Each structure stands twice: as structure tokens, then as C-alpha cells.
Amino acid sequence: MATPPPEENLKQFQLAVSLVPEMELKGKNMWYTSMNGNMYTYMGKEGILGIRLGKEDYTAFREKYNVGDLKSYGAVMREYVPIPQELFEDIETLKHYMEMTHAYAKTLPPKPTKKK
């Protein structure tokens, strides 16, 4: 069973998700948001919030905040950028990026469900 992220980090994720009324936090040990079967925010056991962005926004974010890859279980999560701690202190900018990731998720083609 996966170890949940630290409580303080989870509170930050809950705050970030609450900034966009249409977003819903899911999960028990691995926290995430998803739309049409596509995950677009994620927090694993390390307690790092990652958001999924389109190619241009992804590149611009990485350059602006000087962040590297977001990894989960040693694998790079393509299209995801880690949210630096400083953004949790700038709620308006954090909200902007949460709205961006939500908008990007709307552009992704739906994935078929695996549940029967």
C-alpha cells in the first residue's frame, strides 16, 4: 500500500483544488484530479504537487520557475510540472495555473473506462 503524502502538503493540494470550483480531489493514498479519464493534477507520497500543461505552457512554466521533471516511482511524468513552494504563497498565481491545467484537461480526448 502506498504511503500518503505529508498532511501539510495534502492541505496545500486541497487549497489549490478549491481555487477552481469545477475541480474535485480524488484518491486516498495518491491524490489527483481527473476529467474524462485523464489525470491532470497529482500528488504522490513525496508530497509534491504536479500539474499537467500543454506543450507551450509546460515549457514556459519550467523556464519561469526553474523546475525539473516531476517523477513518480522513478518515472518521468510527461506533461507535468512540479509546483514550487513559492506558488502556495501567491494564491492568485496558483489559481491561474490551476485554471490552466483544468482548461488543458478539457482539451484531452476522453479515455475509455476500464470498469465493468
PDB file of N, CA and C in Angstrom:
ATOM      1  N   MET A   1       0.831  -1.171   0.000  1.00  0.00           N
ATOM      2  CA  MET A   1       0.000   0.000   0.000  1.00  0.00           C
ATOM      3  C   MET A   1       0.881   1.242   0.000  1.00  0.00           C
ATOM      4  N   ALA A   2       0.502   2.218  -0.819  1.00  0.00           N
ATOM      5  CA  ALA A   2       1.293   3.443  -0.942  1.00  0.00           C
ATOM      6  C   ALA A   2       1.176   4.292   0.311  1.00  0.00           C
ATOM      7  N   THR A   3       2.245   4.996   0.618  1.00  0.00           N
ATOM      8  CA  THR A   3       2.248   5.916   1.747  1.00  0.00           C
ATOM      9  C   THR A   3       1.639   7.234   1.301  1.00  0.00           C
ATOM     10  N   PRO A   4       0.684   7.781   2.051  1.00  0.00           N
ATOM     11  CA  PRO A   4       0.091   9.059   1.646  1.00  0.00           C
ATOM     12  C   PRO A   4       1.090  10.200   1.808  1.00  0.00           C
ATOM     13  N   PRO A   5       0.862  11.306   1.080  1.00  0.00           N
ATOM     14  CA  PRO A   5       1.760  12.454   1.220  1.00  0.00           C
ATOM     15  C   PRO A   5       1.636  13.080   2.596  1.00  0.00           C
ATOM     16  N   PRO A   6       2.637  13.853   3.000  1.00  0.00           N
ATOM     17  CA  PRO A   6       2.569  14.525   4.301  1.00  0.00           C
ATOM     18  C   PRO A   6       1.310  15.389   4.409  1.00  0.00           C
ATOM     19  N   GLU A   7       0.752  15.468   5.609  1.00  0.00           N
ATOM     20  CA  GLU A   7      -0.514  16.176   5.851  1.00  0.00           C
ATOM     21  C   GLU A   7      -0.476  17.633   5.385  1.00  0.00           C
ATOM     22  N   GLU A   8       0.619  18.336   5.649  1.00  0.00           N
ATOM     23  CA  GLU A   8       0.713  19.744   5.244  1.00  0.00           C
ATOM     24  C   GLU A   8       0.661  19.878   3.722  1.00  0.00           C
ATOM     25  N   ASN A   9       1.320  18.964   3.020  1.00  0.00           N
ATOM     26  CA  ASN A   9       1.305  19.008   1.559  1.00  0.00           C
ATOM     27  C   ASN A   9      -0.099  18.733   1.027  1.00  0.00           C
ATOM     28  N   LEU A  10      -0.780  17.801   1.655  1.00  0.00           N
ATOM     29  CA  LEU A  10      -2.150  17.498   1.247  1.00  0.00           C
ATOM     30  C   LEU A  10      -3.046  18.718   1.453  1.00  0.00           C
ATOM     31  N   LYS A  11      -2.855  19.441   2.536  1.00  0.00           N
ATOM     32  CA  LYS A  11      -3.638  20.668   2.774  1.00  0.00           C
ATOM     33  C   LYS A  11      -3.385  21.688   1.673  1.00  0.00           C
ATOM     34  N   GLN A  12      -2.142  21.798   1.227  1.00  0.00           N
ATOM     35  CA  GLN A  12      -1.828  22.717   0.141  1.00  0.00           C
ATOM     36  C   GLN A  12      -2.532  22.284  -1.146  1.00  0.00           C
ATOM     37  N   PHE A  13      -2.546  20.980  -1.405  1.00  0.00           N
ATOM     38  CA  PHE A  13      -3.221  20.461  -2.598  1.00  0.00           C
ATOM     39  C   PHE A  13      -4.721  20.757  -2.501  1.00  0.00           C
ATOM     40  N   GLN A  14      -5.307  20.529  -1.340  1.00  0.00           N
ATOM     41  CA  GLN A  14      -6.730  20.813  -1.148  1.00  0.00           C
ATOM     42  C   GLN A  14      -7.021  22.292  -1.406  1.00  0.00           C
ATOM     43  N   LEU A  15      -6.153  23.169  -0.928  1.00  0.00           N
ATOM     44  CA  LEU A  15      -6.308  24.598  -1.172  1.00  0.00           C
ATOM     45  C   LEU A  15      -6.265  24.879  -2.674  1.00  0.00           C
ATOM     46  N   ALA A  16      -5.267  24.337  -3.358  1.00  0.00           N
ATOM     47  CA  ALA A  16      -5.109  24.583  -4.793  1.00  0.00           C
ATOM     48  C   ALA A  16      -6.347  24.130  -5.569  1.00  0.00           C
ATOM     49  N   VAL A  17      -6.865  22.966  -5.247  1.00  0.00           N
ATOM     50  CA  VAL A  17      -8.043  22.442  -5.935  1.00  0.00           C
ATOM     51  C   VAL A  17      -9.272  23.294  -5.631  1.00  0.00           C
ATOM     52  N   SER A  18      -9.372  23.806  -4.425  1.00  0.00           N
ATOM     53  CA  SER A  18     -10.535  24.616  -4.044  1.00  0.00           C
ATOM     54  C   SER A  18     -10.602  25.941  -4.810  1.00  0.00           C
ATOM     55  N   LEU A  19      -9.518  26.349  -5.444  1.00  0.00           N
ATOM     56  CA  LEU A  19      -9.488  27.609  -6.184  1.00  0.00           C
ATOM     57  C   LEU A  19     -10.282  27.543  -7.490  1.00  0.00           C
ATOM     58  N   VAL A  20     -10.541  26.326  -7.971  1.00  0.00           N
ATOM     59  CA  VAL A  20     -11.311  26.131  -9.206  1.00  0.00           C
ATOM     60  C   VAL A  20     -12.521  25.264  -8.845  1.00  0.00           C
ATOM     61  N   PRO A  21     -13.707  25.878  -8.746  1.00  0.00           N
ATOM     62  CA  PRO A  21     -14.890  25.154  -8.260  1.00  0.00           C
ATOM     63  C   PRO A  21     -15.207  23.848  -9.005  1.00  0.00           C
ATOM     64  N   GLU A  22     -14.854  23.750 -10.277  1.00  0.00           N
ATOM     65  CA  GLU A  22     -15.165  22.540 -11.044  1.00  0.00           C
ATOM     66  C   GLU A  22     -14.230  21.366 -10.742  1.00  0.00           C
ATOM     67  N   MET A  23     -13.129  21.637 -10.054  1.00  0.00           N
ATOM     68  CA  MET A  23     -12.165  20.573  -9.764  1.00  0.00           C
ATOM     69  C   MET A  23     -12.601  19.780  -8.542  1.00  0.00           C
ATOM     70  N   GLU A  24     -12.318  18.469  -8.581  1.00  0.00           N
ATOM     71  CA  GLU A  24     -12.649  17.587  -7.467  1.00  0.00           C
ATOM     72  C   GLU A  24     -11.437  16.727  -7.136  1.00  0.00           C
ATOM     73  N   LEU A  25     -11.009  16.791  -5.885  1.00  0.00           N
ATOM     74  CA  LEU A  25      -9.870  15.998  -5.431  1.00  0.00           C
ATOM     75  C   LEU A  25     -10.313  14.555  -5.245  1.00  0.00           C
ATOM     76  N   LYS A  26      -9.523  13.623  -5.770  1.00  0.00           N
ATOM     77  CA  LYS A  26      -9.837  12.199  -5.697  1.00  0.00           C
ATOM     78  C   LYS A  26      -8.652  11.458  -5.095  1.00  0.00           C
ATOM     79  N   GLY A  27      -8.889  10.222  -4.674  1.00  0.00           N
ATOM     80  CA  GLY A  27      -7.822   9.367  -4.196  1.00  0.00           C
ATOM     81  C   GLY A  27      -7.793   9.235  -2.684  1.00  0.00           C
ATOM     82  N   LYS A  28      -7.022   8.251  -2.230  1.00  0.00           N
ATOM     83  CA  LYS A  28      -6.856   8.006  -0.800  1.00  0.00           C
ATOM     84  C   LYS A  28      -5.391   8.077  -0.397  1.00  0.00           C
ATOM     85  N   ASN A  29      -4.527   7.452  -1.153  1.00  0.00           N
ATOM     86  CA  ASN A  29      -3.091   7.478  -0.861  1.00  0.00           C
ATOM     87  C   ASN A  29      -2.310   8.241  -1.919  1.00  0.00           C
ATOM     88  N   MET A  30      -2.843   8.271  -3.120  1.00  0.00           N
ATOM     89  CA  MET A  30      -2.288   9.073  -4.200  1.00  0.00           C
ATOM     90  C   MET A  30      -3.399  10.035  -4.586  1.00  0.00           C
ATOM     91  N   TRP A  31      -3.199  11.318  -4.361  1.00  0.00           N
ATOM     92  CA  TRP A  31      -4.231  12.314  -4.589  1.00  0.00           C
ATOM     93  C   TRP A  31      -4.111  12.856  -6.004  1.00  0.00           C
ATOM     94  N   TYR A  32      -5.255  13.118  -6.635  1.00  0.00           N
ATOM     95  CA  TYR A  32      -5.246  13.587  -8.015  1.00  0.00           C
ATOM     96  C   TYR A  32      -6.579  14.224  -8.381  1.00  0.00           C
ATOM     97  N   THR A  33      -6.612  14.868  -9.539  1.00  0.00           N
ATOM     98  CA  THR A  33      -7.857  15.283 -10.167  1.00  0.00           C
ATOM     99  C   THR A  33      -7.846  14.676 -11.559  1.00  0.00           C
ATOM    100  N   SER A  34      -9.026  14.417 -12.083  1.00  0.00           N
ATOM    101  CA  SER A  34      -9.116  13.865 -13.429  1.00  0.00           C
ATOM    102  C   SER A  34     -10.399  14.328 -14.099  1.00  0.00           C
ATOM    103  N   MET A  35     -10.370  14.244 -15.420  1.00  0.00           N
ATOM    104  CA  MET A  35     -11.525  14.607 -16.227  1.00  0.00           C
ATOM    105  C   MET A  35     -11.551  13.675 -17.435  1.00  0.00           C
ATOM    106  N   ASN A  36     -12.681  13.071 -17.677  1.00  0.00           N
ATOM    107  CA  ASN A  36     -12.838  12.162 -18.822  1.00  0.00           C
ATOM    108  C   ASN A  36     -11.755  11.081 -18.858  1.00  0.00           C
ATOM    109  N   GLY A  37     -11.359  10.610 -17.695  1.00  0.00           N
ATOM    110  CA  GLY A  37     -10.358   9.554 -17.612  1.00  0.00           C
ATOM    111  C   GLY A  37      -8.919  10.028 -17.694  1.00  0.00           C
ATOM    112  N   ASN A  38      -8.704  11.330 -17.800  1.00  0.00           N
ATOM    113  CA  ASN A  38      -7.355  11.891 -17.880  1.00  0.00           C
ATOM    114  C   ASN A  38      -6.996  12.593 -16.576  1.00  0.00           C
ATOM    115  N   MET A  39      -5.958  12.107 -15.917  1.00  0.00           N
ATOM    116  CA  MET A  39      -5.466  12.753 -14.712  1.00  0.00           C
ATOM    117  C   MET A  39      -4.761  14.042 -15.125  1.00  0.00           C
ATOM    118  N   TYR A  40      -4.978  15.136 -14.361  1.00  0.00           N
ATOM    119  CA  TYR A  40      -4.309  16.379 -14.722  1.00  0.00           C
ATOM    120  C   TYR A  40      -3.664  17.110 -13.552  1.00  0.00           C
ATOM    121  N   THR A  41      -3.867  16.663 -12.335  1.00  0.00           N
ATOM    122  CA  THR A  41      -3.043  17.086 -11.201  1.00  0.00           C
ATOM    123  C   THR A  41      -2.753  15.831 -10.394  1.00  0.00           C
ATOM    124  N   TYR A  42      -1.665  15.879  -9.628  1.00  0.00           N
ATOM    125  CA  TYR A  42      -1.222  14.667  -8.947  1.00  0.00           C
ATOM    126  C   TYR A  42      -0.338  15.026  -7.768  1.00  0.00           C
ATOM    127  N   MET A  43      -0.519  14.282  -6.676  1.00  0.00           N
ATOM    128  CA  MET A  43       0.414  14.369  -5.550  1.00  0.00           C
ATOM    129  C   MET A  43       0.658  12.962  -5.038  1.00  0.00           C
ATOM    130  N   GLY A  44       1.884  12.530  -5.144  1.00  0.00           N
ATOM    131  CA  GLY A  44       2.262  11.207  -4.668  1.00  0.00           C
ATOM    132  C   GLY A  44       2.805  11.256  -3.253  1.00  0.00           C
ATOM    133  N   LYS A  45       3.416  10.177  -2.846  1.00  0.00           N
ATOM    134  CA  LYS A  45       3.905  10.046  -1.475  1.00  0.00           C
ATOM    135  C   LYS A  45       4.982  11.068  -1.122  1.00  0.00           C
ATOM    136  N   GLU A  46       5.655  11.620  -2.141  1.00  0.00           N
ATOM    137  CA  GLU A  46       6.700  12.612  -1.884  1.00  0.00           C
ATOM    138  C   GLU A  46       6.108  13.942  -1.443  1.00  0.00           C
ATOM    139  N   GLY A  47       4.801  14.139  -1.716  1.00  0.00           N
ATOM    140  CA  GLY A  47       4.133  15.374  -1.316  1.00  0.00           C
ATOM    141  C   GLY A  47       4.359  16.537  -2.264  1.00  0.00           C
ATOM    142  N   ILE A  48       4.731  16.249  -3.504  1.00  0.00           N
ATOM    143  CA  ILE A  48       4.946  17.299  -4.496  1.00  0.00           C
ATOM    144  C   ILE A  48       3.734  17.362  -5.409  1.00  0.00           C
ATOM    145  N   LEU A  49       3.136  18.540  -5.512  1.00  0.00           N
ATOM    146  CA  LEU A  49       2.002  18.731  -6.396  1.00  0.00           C
ATOM    147  C   LEU A  49       2.513  18.939  -7.809  1.00  0.00           C
ATOM    148  N   GLY A  50       1.974  18.153  -8.729  1.00  0.00           N
ATOM    149  CA  GLY A  50       2.297  18.307 -10.143  1.00  0.00           C
ATOM    150  C   GLY A  50       1.039  18.634 -10.916  1.00  0.00           C
ATOM    151  N   ILE A  51       1.174  19.519 -11.899  1.00  0.00           N
ATOM    152  CA  ILE A  51       0.047  19.841 -12.766  1.00  0.00           C
ATOM    153  C   ILE A  51       0.433  19.559 -14.208  1.00  0.00           C
ATOM    154  N   ARG A  52      -0.555  19.203 -14.999  1.00  0.00           N
ATOM    155  CA  ARG A  52      -0.351  18.858 -16.400  1.00  0.00           C
ATOM    156  C   ARG A  52      -0.657  20.079 -17.264  1.00  0.00           C
ATOM    157  N   LEU A  53       0.271  20.394 -18.155  1.00  0.00           N
ATOM    158  CA  LEU A  53       0.118  21.562 -19.019  1.00  0.00           C
ATOM    159  C   LEU A  53       0.412  21.191 -20.470  1.00  0.00           C
ATOM    160  N   GLY A  54      -0.166  21.975 -21.374  1.00  0.00           N
ATOM    161  CA  GLY A  54       0.145  21.829 -22.792  1.00  0.00           C
ATOM    162  C   GLY A  54       1.598  22.177 -23.057  1.00  0.00           C
ATOM    163  N   LYS A  55       2.067  21.817 -24.234  1.00  0.00           N
ATOM    164  CA  LYS A  55       3.493  21.930 -24.558  1.00  0.00           C
ATOM    165  C   LYS A  55       4.071  23.327 -24.317  1.00  0.00           C
ATOM    166  N   GLU A  56       3.434  24.365 -24.845  1.00  0.00           N
ATOM    167  CA  GLU A  56       3.972  25.719 -24.705  1.00  0.00           C
ATOM    168  C   GLU A  56       3.937  26.188 -23.249  1.00  0.00           C
ATOM    169  N   ASP A  57       2.817  25.928 -22.563  1.00  0.00           N
ATOM    170  CA  ASP A  57       2.701  26.330 -21.160  1.00  0.00           C
ATOM    171  C   ASP A  57       3.678  25.548 -20.286  1.00  0.00           C
ATOM    172  N   TYR A  58       3.866  24.274 -20.609  1.00  0.00           N
ATOM    173  CA  TYR A  58       4.799  23.407 -19.886  1.00  0.00           C
ATOM    174  C   TYR A  58       6.217  23.988 -19.965  1.00  0.00           C
ATOM    175  N   THR A  59       6.634  24.333 -21.175  1.00  0.00           N
ATOM    176  CA  THR A  59       7.979  24.873 -21.380  1.00  0.00           C
ATOM    177  C   THR A  59       8.145  26.218 -20.677  1.00  0.00           C
ATOM    178  N   ALA A  60       7.151  27.084 -20.820  1.00  0.00           N
ATOM    179  CA  ALA A  60       7.218  28.411 -20.193  1.00  0.00           C
ATOM    180  C   ALA A  60       7.268  28.301 -18.671  1.00  0.00           C
ATOM    181  N   PHE A  61       6.478  27.401 -18.094  1.00  0.00           N
ATOM    182  CA  PHE A  61       6.456  27.215 -16.644  1.00  0.00           C
ATOM    183  C   PHE A  61       7.818  26.732 -16.153  1.00  0.00           C
ATOM    184  N   ARG A  62       8.376  25.733 -16.832  1.00  0.00           N
ATOM    185  CA  ARG A  62       9.683  25.192 -16.426  1.00  0.00           C
ATOM    186  C   ARG A  62      10.761  26.273 -16.450  1.00  0.00           C
ATOM    187  N   GLU A  63      10.725  27.110 -17.462  1.00  0.00           N
ATOM    188  CA  GLU A  63      11.724  28.182 -17.566  1.00  0.00           C
ATOM    189  C   GLU A  63      11.499  29.252 -16.503  1.00  0.00           C
ATOM    190  N   LYS A  64      10.256  29.653 -16.311  1.00  0.00           N
ATOM    191  CA  LYS A  64       9.949  30.722 -15.352  1.00  0.00           C
ATOM    192  C   LYS A  64      10.307  30.337 -13.924  1.00  0.00           C
ATOM    193  N   TYR A  65       9.987  29.103 -13.534  1.00  0.00           N
ATOM    194  CA  TYR A  65      10.195  28.678 -12.146  1.00  0.00           C
ATOM    195  C   TYR A  65      11.424  27.791 -11.960  1.00  0.00           C
ATOM    196  N   ASN A  66      12.159  27.551 -13.040  1.00  0.00           N
ATOM    197  CA  ASN A  66      13.384  26.763 -12.976  1.00  0.00           C
ATOM    198  C   ASN A  66      13.164  25.419 -12.276  1.00  0.00           C
ATOM    199  N   VAL A  67      12.149  24.685 -12.754  1.00  0.00           N
ATOM    200  CA  VAL A  67      11.839  23.367 -12.186  1.00  0.00           C
ATOM    201  C   VAL A  67      12.204  22.279 -13.180  1.00  0.00           C
ATOM    202  N   GLY A  68      12.467  21.110 -12.657  1.00  0.00           N
ATOM    203  CA  GLY A  68      12.805  19.959 -13.486  1.00  0.00           C
ATOM    204  C   GLY A  68      11.597  19.077 -13.725  1.00  0.00           C
ATOM    205  N   ASP A  69      11.874  17.810 -13.923  1.00  0.00           N
ATOM    206  CA  ASP A  69      10.823  16.837 -14.193  1.00  0.00           C
ATOM    207  C   ASP A  69      10.075  16.466 -12.920  1.00  0.00           C
ATOM    208  N   LEU A  70       8.818  16.103 -13.086  1.00  0.00           N
ATOM    209  CA  LEU A  70       8.063  15.506 -11.986  1.00  0.00           C
ATOM    210  C   LEU A  70       8.172  14.002 -12.170  1.00  0.00           C
ATOM    211  N   LYS A  71       8.620  13.324 -11.129  1.00  0.00           N
ATOM    212  CA  LYS A  71       8.784  11.873 -11.212  1.00  0.00           C
ATOM    213  C   LYS A  71       7.847  11.181 -10.235  1.00  0.00           C
ATOM    214  N   SER A  72       7.381  10.027 -10.643  1.00  0.00           N
ATOM    215  CA  SER A  72       6.561   9.178  -9.803  1.00  0.00           C
ATOM    216  C   SER A  72       7.100   7.767  -9.901  1.00  0.00           C
ATOM    217  N   TYR A  73       7.500   7.218  -8.782  1.00  0.00           N
ATOM    218  CA  TYR A  73       8.085   5.885  -8.741  1.00  0.00           C
ATOM    219  C   TYR A  73       9.244   5.757  -9.733  1.00  0.00           C
ATOM    220  N   GLY A  74      10.042   6.817  -9.843  1.00  0.00           N
ATOM    221  CA  GLY A  74      11.229   6.807 -10.681  1.00  0.00           C
ATOM    222  C   GLY A  74      10.991   7.131 -12.148  1.00  0.00           C
ATOM    223  N   ALA A  75       9.738   7.228 -12.569  1.00  0.00           N
ATOM    224  CA  ALA A  75       9.431   7.520 -13.972  1.00  0.00           C
ATOM    225  C   ALA A  75       9.036   8.986 -14.129  1.00  0.00           C
ATOM    226  N   VAL A  76       9.489   9.594 -15.218  1.00  0.00           N
ATOM    227  CA  VAL A  76       9.125  10.980 -15.512  1.00  0.00           C
ATOM    228  C   VAL A  76       7.671  11.016 -15.964  1.00  0.00           C
ATOM    229  N   MET A  77       6.917  11.927 -15.362  1.00  0.00           N
ATOM    230  CA  MET A  77       5.513  12.106 -15.748  1.00  0.00           C
ATOM    231  C   MET A  77       5.478  13.169 -16.844  1.00  0.00           C
ATOM    232  N   ARG A  78       5.272  12.717 -18.070  1.00  0.00           N
ATOM    233  CA  ARG A  78       5.263  13.628 -19.212  1.00  0.00           C
ATOM    234  C   ARG A  78       4.139  14.653 -19.069  1.00  0.00           C
ATOM    235  N   GLU A  79       4.406  15.854 -19.479  1.00  0.00           N
ATOM    236  CA  GLU A  79       3.488  16.998 -19.460  1.00  0.00           C
ATOM    237  C   GLU A  79       3.258  17.588 -18.067  1.00  0.00           C
ATOM    238  N   TYR A  80       3.834  17.017 -17.023  1.00  0.00           N
ATOM    239  CA  TYR A  80       3.618  17.512 -15.653  1.00  0.00           C
ATOM    240  C   TYR A  80       4.801  18.348 -15.188  1.00  0.00           C
ATOM    241  N   VAL A  81       4.472  19.415 -14.470  1.00  0.00           N
ATOM    242  CA  VAL A  81       5.497  20.246 -13.836  1.00  0.00           C
ATOM    243  C   VAL A  81       5.238  20.248 -12.329  1.00  0.00           C
ATOM    244  N   PRO A  82       6.296  20.234 -11.532  1.00  0.00           N
ATOM    245  CA  PRO A  82       6.110  20.338 -10.084  1.00  0.00           C
ATOM    246  C   PRO A  82       5.841  21.791  -9.692  1.00  0.00           C
ATOM    247  N   ILE A  83       4.904  21.987  -8.787  1.00  0.00           N
ATOM    248  CA  ILE A  83       4.577  23.329  -8.308  1.00  0.00           C
ATOM    249  C   ILE A  83       5.579  23.708  -7.208  1.00  0.00           C
ATOM    250  N   PRO A  84       6.342  24.775  -7.411  1.00  0.00           N
ATOM    251  CA  PRO A  84       7.298  25.187  -6.373  1.00  0.00           C
ATOM    252  C   PRO A  84       6.565  25.768  -5.159  1.00  0.00           C
ATOM    253  N   GLN A  85       7.165  25.650  -4.014  1.00  0.00           N
ATOM    254  CA  GLN A  85       6.571  26.116  -2.759  1.00  0.00           C
ATOM    255  C   GLN A  85       6.147  27.580  -2.826  1.00  0.00           C
ATOM    256  N   GLU A  86       6.906  28.391  -3.523  1.00  0.00           N
ATOM    257  CA  GLU A  86       6.598  29.826  -3.591  1.00  0.00           C
ATOM    258  C   GLU A  86       5.208  30.109  -4.163  1.00  0.00           C
ATOM    259  N   LEU A  87       4.696  29.223  -5.005  1.00  0.00           N
ATOM    260  CA  LEU A  87       3.364  29.462  -5.580  1.00  0.00           C
ATOM    261  C   LEU A  87       2.247  29.304  -4.556  1.00  0.00           C
ATOM    262  N   PHE A  88       2.475  28.532  -3.515  1.00  0.00           N
ATOM    263  CA  PHE A  88       1.456  28.385  -2.472  1.00  0.00           C
ATOM    264  C   PHE A  88       1.337  29.657  -1.636  1.00  0.00           C
ATOM    265  N   GLU A  89       2.297  30.543  -1.786  1.00  0.00           N
ATOM    266  CA  GLU A  89       2.271  31.822  -1.082  1.00  0.00           C
ATOM    267  C   GLU A  89       1.727  32.934  -1.966  1.00  0.00           C
ATOM    268  N   ASP A  90       1.428  32.616  -3.217  1.00  0.00           N
ATOM    269  CA  ASP A  90       0.870  33.570  -4.183  1.00  0.00           C
ATOM    270  C   ASP A  90      -0.413  32.951  -4.745  1.00  0.00           C
ATOM    271  N   ILE A  91      -1.483  33.100  -4.008  1.00  0.00           N
ATOM    272  CA  ILE A  91      -2.746  32.415  -4.319  1.00  0.00           C
ATOM    273  C   ILE A  91      -3.276  32.788  -5.705  1.00  0.00           C
ATOM    274  N   GLU A  92      -3.160  34.047  -6.100  1.00  0.00           N
ATOM    275  CA  GLU A  92      -3.677  34.455  -7.420  1.00  0.00           C
ATOM    276  C   GLU A  92      -2.931  33.731  -8.551  1.00  0.00           C
ATOM    277  N   THR A  93      -1.620  33.641  -8.448  1.00  0.00           N
ATOM    278  CA  THR A  93      -0.843  32.946  -9.478  1.00  0.00           C
ATOM    279  C   THR A  93      -1.119  31.454  -9.430  1.00  0.00           C
ATOM    280  N   LEU A  94      -1.225  30.895  -8.237  1.00  0.00           N
ATOM    281  CA  LEU A  94      -1.559  29.481  -8.102  1.00  0.00           C
ATOM    282  C   LEU A  94      -2.914  29.204  -8.748  1.00  0.00           C
ATOM    283  N   LYS A  95      -3.878  30.058  -8.489  1.00  0.00           N
ATOM    284  CA  LYS A  95      -5.208  29.901  -9.098  1.00  0.00           C
ATOM    285  C   LYS A  95      -5.103  29.931 -10.619  1.00  0.00           C
ATOM    286  N   HIS A  96      -4.314  30.836 -11.143  1.00  0.00           N
ATOM    287  CA  HIS A  96      -4.115  30.933 -12.597  1.00  0.00           C
ATOM    288  C   HIS A  96      -3.624  29.598 -13.168  1.00  0.00           C
ATOM    289  N   TYR A  97      -2.634  28.999 -12.526  1.00  0.00           N
ATOM    290  CA  TYR A  97      -2.097  27.730 -13.033  1.00  0.00           C
ATOM    291  C   TYR A  97      -3.087  26.574 -12.833  1.00  0.00           C
ATOM    292  N   MET A  98      -3.847  26.610 -11.762  1.00  0.00           N
ATOM    293  CA  MET A  98      -4.860  25.567 -11.573  1.00  0.00           C
ATOM    294  C   MET A  98      -5.954  25.688 -12.641  1.00  0.00           C
ATOM    295  N   GLU A  99      -6.302  26.906 -12.994  1.00  0.00           N
ATOM    296  CA  GLU A  99      -7.266  27.116 -14.083  1.00  0.00           C
ATOM    297  C   GLU A  99      -6.678  26.660 -15.418  1.00  0.00           C
ATOM    298  N   MET A 100      -5.387  26.895 -15.613  1.00  0.00           N
ATOM    299  CA  MET A 100      -4.726  26.459 -16.857  1.00  0.00           C
ATOM    300  C   MET A 100      -4.741  24.942 -16.991  1.00  0.00           C
ATOM    301  N   THR A 101      -4.414  24.233 -15.913  1.00  0.00           N
ATOM    302  CA  THR A 101      -4.378  22.777 -16.003  1.00  0.00           C
ATOM    303  C   THR A 101      -5.787  22.221 -16.214  1.00  0.00           C
ATOM    304  N   HIS A 102      -6.772  22.838 -15.579  1.00  0.00           N
ATOM    305  CA  HIS A 102      -8.164  22.405 -15.756  1.00  0.00           C
ATOM    306  C   HIS A 102      -8.602  22.634 -17.204  1.00  0.00           C
ATOM    307  N   ALA A 103      -8.264  23.786 -17.761  1.00  0.00           N
ATOM    308  CA  ALA A 103      -8.604  24.091 -19.155  1.00  0.00           C
ATOM    309  C   ALA A 103      -7.901  23.115 -20.103  1.00  0.00           C
ATOM    310  N   TYR A 104      -6.645  22.791 -19.815  1.00  0.00           N
ATOM    311  CA  TYR A 104      -5.916  21.847 -20.663  1.00  0.00           C
ATOM    312  C   TYR A 104      -6.575  20.470 -20.617  1.00  0.00           C
ATOM    313  N   ALA A 105      -7.009  20.059 -19.448  1.00  0.00           N
ATOM    314  CA  ALA A 105      -7.658  18.746 -19.309  1.00  0.00           C
ATOM    315  C   ALA A 105      -8.910  18.655 -20.184  1.00  0.00           C
ATOM    316  N   LYS A 106      -9.594  19.774 -20.359  1.00  0.00           N
ATOM    317  CA  LYS A 106     -10.799  19.793 -21.200  1.00  0.00           C
ATOM    318  C   LYS A 106     -10.485  19.524 -22.669  1.00  0.00           C
ATOM    319  N   THR A 107      -9.231  19.769 -23.075  1.00  0.00           N
ATOM    320  CA  THR A 107      -8.846  19.573 -24.478  1.00  0.00           C
ATOM    321  C   THR A 107      -8.418  18.138 -24.769  1.00  0.00           C
ATOM    322  N   LEU A 108      -8.188  17.348 -23.741  1.00  0.00           N
ATOM    323  CA  LEU A 108      -7.689  15.975 -23.930  1.00  0.00           C
ATOM    324  C   LEU A 108      -8.827  15.052 -24.335  1.00  0.00           C
ATOM    325  N   PRO A 109      -8.567  14.135 -25.261  1.00  0.00           N
ATOM    326  CA  PRO A 109      -9.635  13.206 -25.668  1.00  0.00           C
ATOM    327  C   PRO A 109     -10.004  12.281 -24.523  1.00  0.00           C
ATOM    328  N   PRO A 110     -11.298  11.968 -24.369  1.00  0.00           N
ATOM    329  CA  PRO A 110     -11.714  11.069 -23.287  1.00  0.00           C
ATOM    330  C   PRO A 110     -11.060   9.699 -23.422  1.00  0.00           C
ATOM    331  N   LYS A 111     -10.738   9.109 -22.283  1.00  0.00           N
ATOM    332  CA  LYS A 111     -10.201   7.753 -22.246  1.00  0.00           C
ATOM    333  C   LYS A 111     -11.347   6.799 -21.925  1.00  0.00           C
ATOM    334  N   PRO A 112     -11.377   5.647 -22.558  1.00  0.00           N
ATOM    335  CA  PRO A 112     -12.436   4.691 -22.212  1.00  0.00           C
ATOM    336  C   PRO A 112     -12.240   4.182 -20.785  1.00  0.00           C
ATOM    337  N   THR A 113     -13.342   3.970 -20.093  1.00  0.00           N
ATOM    338  CA  THR A 113     -13.249   3.460 -18.733  1.00  0.00           C
ATOM    339  C   THR A 113     -12.910   1.984 -18.754  1.00  0.00           C
ATOM    340  N   LYS A 114     -12.223   1.550 -17.696  1.00  0.00           N
ATOM    341  CA  LYS A 114     -11.829   0.144 -17.581  1.00  0.00           C
ATOM    342  C   LYS A 114     -12.762  -0.620 -16.662  1.00  0.00           C
ATOM    343  N   LYS A 115     -13.651   0.111 -15.970  1.00  0.00           N
ATOM    344  CA  LYS A 115     -14.579  -0.539 -15.051  1.00  0.00           C
ATOM    345  C   LYS A 115     -15.682  -1.237 -15.835  1.00  0.00           C
ATOM    346  N   LYS A 116     -16.111  -2.382 -15.317  1.00  0.00           N
ATOM    347  CA  LYS A 116     -17.230  -3.106 -15.939  1.00  0.00           C
ATOM    348  C   LYS A 116     -18.404  -3.145 -15.015  1.00  0.00           C
TER     349      LYS A 116
END
